[in-house]
Amino acid sequence: MEENVFKDTAQTRKGRGVGLNSGGLDSQLAMCVLLEQGVELESITFTSPFYPRNNAGKAAAALGVKHTFVDFTDDIIALVKNPPHGLGSCMNPCIDCHAMMIRRAAEFMEKHGFDFVFTGEVLGQRPMSQQRQGLNIVQKDSGLGDKLLRPLSALLLPETEPEKLGLVDRSRLLALEGRNRKPQLALAKKYGLRDFPTPAGGCKLTEPNYSRRLKNLMDHEGLDDTRLVNLLNYGRHLRLPGGTLAAVGRNKADNEAIRQAMRGGDVLLKSVNVPGPTILAVRPANEDVEALRRLCSAYADNKGIGSITISEMRAASKPVEFTLPVCDRAEFTGMVI
């Protein structure tokens, strides 16, 4: 961002606002529009296994805005299990999620003496939460009322309290609408914004493959064990015939995350004589023990050899080694979640 882009645009601060900051372009533009008026800002980002930390802090720092990360895991898991306004096309409770985030932001506002909450939402940009009806539901359910400001579409929405009180100049807010990104890109150029991700949603709950794994976990182990929810972000997941959940690493980062996820009752497997993935079996059923060893053999680098040696470790126990013939991955194709 160009230095001093907001210099001398206002002599005094007009109000204090706290904004939801995803790190995306719209969040940054909402801050720019308000900073241009001399409004004092702070931003917050809600984190969970479904939308981990991103460049939001860096984006806020580039604008000279103080930033805070807030854990949202318990809130969003509760909404996935019981979404009052239903789910989107996947496992995404978008309307309820936005309302809860704004409710938490309102608590932050009250605690720290801010005047209002703002977001980077654009009317009509997203099919569920950003249609006019969705925006109205979010505003109502959040309990924030007209202390919720959406600077990018404000001129298409009812006047809010900060505008009525003169804390924000309504005439300098925007009327963006729809999914066309050209106006935002033009504004990014105006404000000197260069570091922003492409608009791809960012929330894993909107991804079909991830949602399928999450639904499978919810139907079997449930979502109360956060480490299993976090585990969905790593490796390949299979459901064995006896019901055991197995996570198979695909790279070094996966293998390390899978290893660290082990708890009492779990089993950790790895090939010894050839390279291969780390495999975590979550509290495996007795009838799946042999299948787990074959799984480890199948996914090891087993070309050109006759047998695989498997290291099998349980919590607080020494590893035990087993040797078995090379197995075929095709055996497990139908078990991949």
Protein backbone atom coordinates (compact mmCIF):
# COMPACT_ATOMS: atom_id res chain seq x y z
CA MET A 1 0.00 0.00 0.00
CA GLU A 2 1.22 3.52 -0.83
CA GLU A 3 2.53 5.43 2.13
CA ASN A 4 0.42 8.23 3.64
CA VAL A 5 -2.55 7.58 1.35
CA PHE A 6 -4.87 8.94 4.09
CA LYS A 7 -2.66 11.85 5.14
CA ASP A 8 -4.52 15.07 5.90
CA THR A 9 -7.88 13.66 4.81
CA ALA A 10 -9.35 14.55 8.19
CA GLN A 11 -8.19 16.71 11.07
CA THR A 12 -9.99 14.89 13.87
CA ARG A 13 -11.30 11.42 14.53
CA LYS A 14 -15.06 11.28 14.02
CA GLY A 15 -15.83 7.96 15.68
CA ARG A 16 -14.42 4.60 16.72
CA GLY A 17 -15.29 1.42 14.85
CA VAL A 18 -14.26 -2.21 15.17
CA GLY A 19 -14.42 -4.28 12.00
CA LEU A 20 -14.48 -7.91 10.96
CA ASN A 21 -11.32 -8.49 8.95
CA SER A 22 -10.99 -11.60 6.80
CA GLY A 23 -7.80 -10.34 5.19
CA GLY A 24 -9.59 -10.13 1.83
CA LEU A 25 -9.99 -7.15 -0.43
CA ASP A 26 -13.47 -6.17 0.76
CA SER A 27 -12.36 -6.05 4.39
CA GLN A 28 -9.41 -3.86 3.46
CA LEU A 29 -11.56 -1.55 1.34
CA ALA A 30 -14.08 -1.12 4.17
CA MET A 31 -11.25 0.01 6.40
CA CYS A 32 -9.89 2.36 3.72
CA VAL A 33 -13.27 4.03 3.22
CA LEU A 34 -13.56 4.75 6.93
CA LEU A 35 -9.92 5.70 7.45
CA GLU A 36 -10.33 8.23 4.65
CA GLN A 37 -12.90 9.98 6.85
CA GLY A 38 -10.63 9.98 9.89
CA VAL A 39 -12.53 7.26 11.75
CA GLU A 40 -10.47 5.44 14.38
CA LEU A 41 -10.45 1.73 13.64
CA GLU A 42 -9.51 -1.62 15.05
CA SER A 43 -10.09 -4.98 13.36
CA ILE A 44 -10.65 -8.53 14.56
CA THR A 45 -10.40 -11.91 12.87
CA PHE A 46 -12.25 -14.98 14.11
CA THR A 47 -10.23 -18.18 13.75
CA SER A 48 -11.19 -21.86 13.79
CA PRO A 49 -10.15 -25.11 12.06
CA PHE A 50 -12.45 -24.08 9.21
CA TYR A 51 -10.81 -20.70 8.54
CA PRO A 52 -7.39 -20.58 10.17
CA ARG A 53 -5.24 -17.48 10.56
CA ASN A 54 -4.45 -15.69 7.32
CA ASN A 55 -2.95 -12.38 6.22
CA ALA A 56 -5.54 -10.30 8.07
CA GLY A 57 -3.06 -9.10 10.67
CA LYS A 58 -0.59 -8.10 7.97
CA ALA A 59 -3.32 -6.28 6.02
CA ALA A 60 -4.41 -4.35 9.11
CA ALA A 61 -0.82 -3.43 9.96
CA ALA A 62 -0.28 -2.05 6.44
CA LEU A 63 -3.21 0.30 7.07
CA GLY A 64 -2.01 1.27 10.53
CA VAL A 65 -4.94 -0.51 12.19
CA LYS A 66 -4.58 -2.46 15.43
CA HIS A 67 -5.65 -6.07 14.98
CA THR A 68 -6.79 -8.92 17.24
CA PHE A 69 -7.30 -12.64 16.54
CA VAL A 70 -10.20 -14.25 18.42
CA ASP A 71 -10.79 -18.02 18.67
CA PHE A 72 -14.23 -18.90 17.32
CA THR A 73 -13.99 -22.71 17.37
CA ASP A 74 -16.64 -23.50 19.98
CA ASP A 75 -19.12 -21.08 18.41
CA ILE A 76 -18.82 -22.36 14.86
CA ILE A 77 -18.85 -26.06 15.86
CA ALA A 78 -22.08 -25.46 17.80
CA LEU A 79 -23.59 -23.81 14.70
CA VAL A 80 -22.48 -26.63 12.38
CA LYS A 81 -24.22 -29.11 14.68
CA ASN A 82 -27.36 -26.99 15.03
CA PRO A 83 -27.74 -24.14 12.50
CA PRO A 84 -30.95 -22.17 13.24
CA HIS A 85 -31.14 -20.89 9.65
CA GLY A 86 -29.86 -24.07 8.03
CA LEU A 87 -26.79 -24.93 6.01
CA GLY A 88 -25.70 -23.77 2.59
CA SER A 89 -24.82 -26.17 -0.22
CA CYS A 90 -22.22 -27.86 2.01
CA MET A 91 -21.70 -27.73 5.79
CA ASN A 92 -21.70 -23.93 5.92
CA PRO A 93 -24.12 -22.19 8.33
CA CYS A 94 -23.24 -18.84 6.74
CA ILE A 95 -26.11 -16.69 8.06
CA ASP A 96 -25.79 -17.97 11.62
CA CYS A 97 -22.01 -17.78 11.47
CA HIS A 98 -22.04 -14.13 10.37
CA ALA A 99 -24.61 -13.26 13.02
CA MET A 100 -22.55 -14.93 15.75
CA MET A 101 -19.35 -13.22 14.62
CA ILE A 102 -21.05 -9.85 14.73
CA ARG A 103 -22.50 -10.69 18.15
CA ARG A 104 -18.98 -11.44 19.39
CA ALA A 105 -17.73 -8.25 17.73
CA ALA A 106 -20.50 -6.32 19.51
CA GLU A 107 -19.23 -7.68 22.83
CA PHE A 108 -15.75 -6.54 21.86
CA MET A 109 -17.19 -3.13 20.93
CA GLU A 110 -18.86 -2.71 24.31
CA LYS A 111 -15.85 -3.92 26.25
CA HIS A 112 -13.39 -1.60 24.52
CA GLY A 113 -15.56 1.48 24.06
CA PHE A 114 -16.10 1.49 20.30
CA ASP A 115 -19.09 3.22 18.72
CA PHE A 116 -20.04 0.67 16.07
CA VAL A 117 -19.13 -2.55 14.25
CA PHE A 118 -18.41 -2.63 10.52
CA THR A 119 -17.88 -5.36 7.93
CA GLY A 120 -16.73 -5.61 4.33
CA GLU A 121 -19.96 -7.26 3.16
CA VAL A 122 -21.29 -6.31 -0.26
CA LEU A 123 -24.99 -6.54 -1.02
CA GLY A 124 -25.69 -9.45 -3.40
CA GLN A 125 -22.11 -10.68 -3.56
CA ARG A 126 -22.74 -14.08 -1.96
CA PRO A 127 -25.82 -16.25 -2.52
CA MET A 128 -26.74 -16.94 1.11
CA SER A 129 -25.48 -14.49 3.69
CA GLN A 130 -25.15 -11.33 1.58
CA GLN A 131 -28.53 -11.14 -0.08
CA ARG A 132 -30.71 -8.41 1.39
CA GLN A 133 -32.78 -10.89 3.39
CA GLY A 134 -29.62 -12.55 4.73
CA LEU A 135 -28.11 -9.20 5.72
CA ASN A 136 -31.31 -8.30 7.57
CA ILE A 137 -31.38 -11.63 9.42
CA VAL A 138 -27.73 -11.23 10.43
CA GLN A 139 -28.37 -7.73 11.71
CA LYS A 140 -31.40 -8.83 13.72
CA ASP A 141 -29.91 -12.04 15.14
CA SER A 142 -26.64 -10.39 16.08
CA GLY A 143 -28.53 -8.05 18.41
CA LEU A 144 -26.43 -5.12 17.21
CA GLY A 145 -29.23 -3.30 15.43
CA ASP A 146 -28.28 -0.09 13.64
CA LYS A 147 -24.82 -0.03 15.16
CA LEU A 148 -23.81 -2.38 12.34
CA LEU A 149 -22.29 -0.53 9.37
CA ARG A 150 -21.48 -2.00 5.95
CA PRO A 151 -19.48 0.82 4.32
CA LEU A 152 -19.19 -0.74 0.85
CA SER A 153 -22.97 -1.00 0.35
CA ALA A 154 -24.18 1.56 2.90
CA LEU A 155 -25.95 3.79 0.36
CA LEU A 156 -28.16 0.84 -0.63
CA LEU A 157 -29.05 0.05 2.99
CA PRO A 158 -30.90 1.92 5.77
CA GLU A 159 -28.98 4.65 7.57
CA THR A 160 -27.17 3.41 10.67
CA GLU A 161 -26.60 5.00 14.07
CA PRO A 162 -22.99 6.12 13.41
CA GLU A 163 -24.21 7.88 10.26
CA LYS A 164 -27.14 9.53 12.05
CA LEU A 165 -24.83 10.76 14.82
CA GLY A 166 -22.28 12.14 12.39
CA LEU A 167 -19.60 9.69 13.48
CA VAL A 168 -19.41 8.59 9.85
CA ASP A 169 -20.21 10.71 6.78
CA ARG A 170 -22.82 8.76 4.82
CA SER A 171 -22.18 10.75 1.65
CA ARG A 172 -18.65 9.33 1.51
CA LEU A 173 -19.76 5.71 1.83
CA LEU A 174 -20.34 3.43 -1.18
CA ALA A 175 -23.12 1.66 -3.09
CA LEU A 176 -21.42 -1.51 -4.29
CA GLU A 177 -23.69 -4.39 -5.27
CA GLY A 178 -23.43 -7.79 -6.90
CA ARG A 179 -20.58 -10.10 -7.82
CA ASN A 180 -18.71 -7.85 -10.27
CA ARG A 181 -15.26 -7.22 -8.76
CA LYS A 182 -14.21 -4.43 -11.12
CA PRO A 183 -15.30 -1.61 -8.76
CA GLN A 184 -13.33 -3.18 -5.90
CA LEU A 185 -10.24 -3.58 -8.06
CA ALA A 186 -10.49 0.06 -9.11
CA LEU A 187 -10.74 1.09 -5.46
CA ALA A 188 -7.76 -1.11 -4.60
CA LYS A 189 -5.74 0.80 -7.16
CA LYS A 190 -6.97 4.12 -5.75
CA TYR A 191 -5.93 3.19 -2.21
CA GLY A 192 -2.69 1.50 -3.25
CA LEU A 193 -3.73 -1.97 -2.06
CA ARG A 194 -1.67 -4.74 -3.62
CA ASP A 195 -1.61 -7.61 -1.13
CA PHE A 196 -4.98 -9.35 -1.15
CA PRO A 197 -6.09 -12.90 -2.01
CA THR A 198 -8.34 -13.86 -4.88
CA PRO A 199 -12.03 -14.03 -3.83
CA ALA A 200 -12.35 -17.77 -3.25
CA GLY A 201 -14.38 -17.79 -0.05
CA GLY A 202 -11.65 -19.09 2.26
CA CYS A 203 -14.03 -21.10 4.46
CA LYS A 204 -13.53 -24.87 4.30
CA LEU A 205 -17.18 -25.42 5.22
CA THR A 206 -18.09 -24.36 1.66
CA GLU A 207 -15.84 -27.04 0.10
CA PRO A 208 -17.68 -30.26 -0.88
CA ASN A 209 -14.79 -32.67 -0.20
CA TYR A 210 -13.99 -31.15 3.18
CA SER A 211 -17.66 -31.05 4.13
CA ARG A 212 -18.03 -34.73 3.31
CA ARG A 213 -15.22 -35.59 5.72
CA LEU A 214 -16.63 -33.29 8.38
CA LYS A 215 -20.08 -34.85 8.08
CA ASN A 216 -18.54 -38.32 8.37
CA LEU A 217 -16.67 -37.29 11.51
CA MET A 218 -19.82 -35.75 12.99
CA ASP A 219 -21.80 -38.94 12.30
CA HIS A 220 -19.20 -41.20 13.95
CA GLU A 221 -16.83 -39.63 16.51
CA GLY A 222 -18.76 -36.35 16.77
CA LEU A 223 -17.31 -32.83 16.79
CA ASP A 224 -16.61 -32.38 20.50
CA ASP A 225 -12.98 -33.48 20.19
CA THR A 226 -11.38 -30.41 18.60
CA ARG A 227 -8.15 -32.22 17.76
CA LEU A 228 -10.12 -34.53 15.41
CA VAL A 229 -11.73 -31.52 13.75
CA ASN A 230 -8.26 -30.02 13.31
CA LEU A 231 -7.04 -33.34 11.92
CA LEU A 232 -9.41 -32.96 8.96
CA ASN A 233 -6.97 -30.37 7.58
CA TYR A 234 -4.22 -32.95 7.19
CA GLY A 235 -3.73 -36.04 5.09
CA ARG A 236 -6.06 -38.53 3.44
CA HIS A 237 -8.89 -39.91 5.62
CA LEU A 238 -10.38 -43.39 5.45
CA ARG A 239 -13.14 -45.21 7.31
CA LEU A 240 -12.18 -48.88 7.76
CA PRO A 241 -14.72 -51.75 7.76
CA GLY A 242 -14.84 -51.92 11.57
CA GLY A 243 -15.55 -48.18 11.80
CA THR A 244 -12.02 -46.96 12.58
CA LEU A 245 -11.00 -43.52 11.34
CA ALA A 246 -7.51 -43.51 9.80
CA ALA A 247 -5.57 -40.41 8.72
CA VAL A 248 -2.78 -41.04 6.19
CA GLY A 249 -0.11 -38.38 5.69
CA ARG A 250 0.58 -37.08 2.18
CA ASN A 251 3.67 -35.00 2.92
CA LYS A 252 6.04 -34.05 5.73
CA ALA A 253 3.69 -31.42 7.21
CA ASP A 254 0.81 -33.91 7.24
CA ASN A 255 2.94 -36.56 8.89
CA GLU A 256 4.01 -34.22 11.68
CA ALA A 257 0.48 -32.95 12.33
CA ILE A 258 -0.86 -36.52 12.36
CA ARG A 259 1.87 -37.63 14.77
CA GLN A 260 1.10 -34.77 17.15
CA ALA A 261 -2.63 -35.58 17.08
CA MET A 262 -2.11 -38.95 18.74
CA ARG A 263 -3.83 -39.48 22.10
CA GLY A 264 -4.37 -42.38 24.47
CA GLY A 265 -6.18 -45.24 22.78
CA ASP A 266 -4.90 -44.29 19.32
CA VAL A 267 -2.38 -46.23 17.23
CA LEU A 268 0.40 -44.70 15.14
CA LEU A 269 1.85 -46.68 12.23
CA LYS A 270 4.78 -46.11 9.89
CA SER A 271 6.82 -48.21 7.45
CA VAL A 272 10.37 -48.90 8.65
CA ASN A 273 12.36 -50.34 5.75
CA VAL A 274 11.05 -47.95 3.06
CA PRO A 275 9.71 -44.38 3.03
CA GLY A 276 6.01 -44.05 3.72
CA PRO A 277 3.32 -41.98 5.40
CA THR A 278 2.56 -41.67 9.07
CA ILE A 279 -0.87 -43.15 9.80
CA LEU A 280 -3.01 -42.38 12.82
CA ALA A 281 -5.82 -44.75 13.75
CA VAL A 282 -8.27 -43.11 16.14
CA ARG A 283 -9.15 -45.59 18.91
CA PRO A 284 -9.10 -48.50 16.42
CA ALA A 285 -11.55 -51.37 16.61
CA ASN A 286 -9.89 -54.76 17.14
CA GLU A 287 -11.22 -56.05 13.82
CA ASP A 288 -9.40 -53.21 11.98
CA VAL A 289 -5.88 -53.84 13.33
CA GLU A 290 -4.81 -56.08 10.43
CA ALA A 291 -6.41 -53.73 7.90
CA LEU A 292 -4.38 -50.84 9.37
CA ARG A 293 -1.13 -52.73 8.83
CA ARG A 294 -2.12 -53.53 5.24
CA LEU A 295 -3.06 -49.87 4.77
CA CYS A 296 0.41 -48.81 5.90
CA SER A 297 1.97 -51.32 3.51
CA ALA A 298 -0.23 -50.18 0.62
CA TYR A 299 0.68 -46.51 0.94
CA ALA A 300 4.41 -47.06 1.55
CA ASP A 301 6.95 -46.79 -1.25
CA ASN A 302 6.64 -50.49 -1.93
CA LYS A 303 7.67 -50.90 -5.57
CA GLY A 304 10.27 -53.55 -6.27
CA ILE A 305 10.28 -55.13 -2.82
CA GLY A 306 8.61 -58.21 -1.42
CA SER A 307 7.64 -57.16 2.07
CA ILE A 308 7.12 -54.14 4.32
CA THR A 309 8.12 -53.78 7.95
CA ILE A 310 5.58 -51.76 9.94
CA SER A 311 6.22 -49.94 13.21
CA GLU A 312 3.08 -49.84 15.33
CA MET A 313 2.99 -47.69 18.45
CA ARG A 314 0.38 -47.14 21.13
CA ALA A 315 0.49 -44.38 23.74
CA ALA A 316 2.94 -45.00 26.60
CA SER A 317 4.18 -48.19 24.90
CA LYS A 318 7.26 -49.06 22.91
CA PRO A 319 6.82 -49.51 19.14
CA VAL A 320 6.24 -53.06 17.92
CA GLU A 321 7.32 -54.14 14.43
CA PHE A 322 5.47 -56.42 12.03
CA THR A 323 6.51 -57.67 8.60
CA LEU A 324 3.89 -58.37 5.94
CA PRO A 325 3.68 -58.68 2.17
CA VAL A 326 3.27 -55.63 -0.05
CA CYS A 327 -0.41 -54.68 -0.28
CA ASP A 328 -2.37 -52.96 -3.04
CA ARG A 329 -3.96 -49.53 -2.54
CA ALA A 330 -6.97 -50.69 -4.56
CA GLU A 331 -8.10 -52.60 -1.47
CA PHE A 332 -8.78 -49.26 0.26
CA THR A 333 -10.20 -47.19 -2.61
CA GLY A 334 -13.79 -47.49 -1.41
CA MET A 335 -12.84 -46.55 2.15
CA VAL A 336 -11.51 -43.06 1.35
CA ILE A 337 -13.82 -40.41 2.81
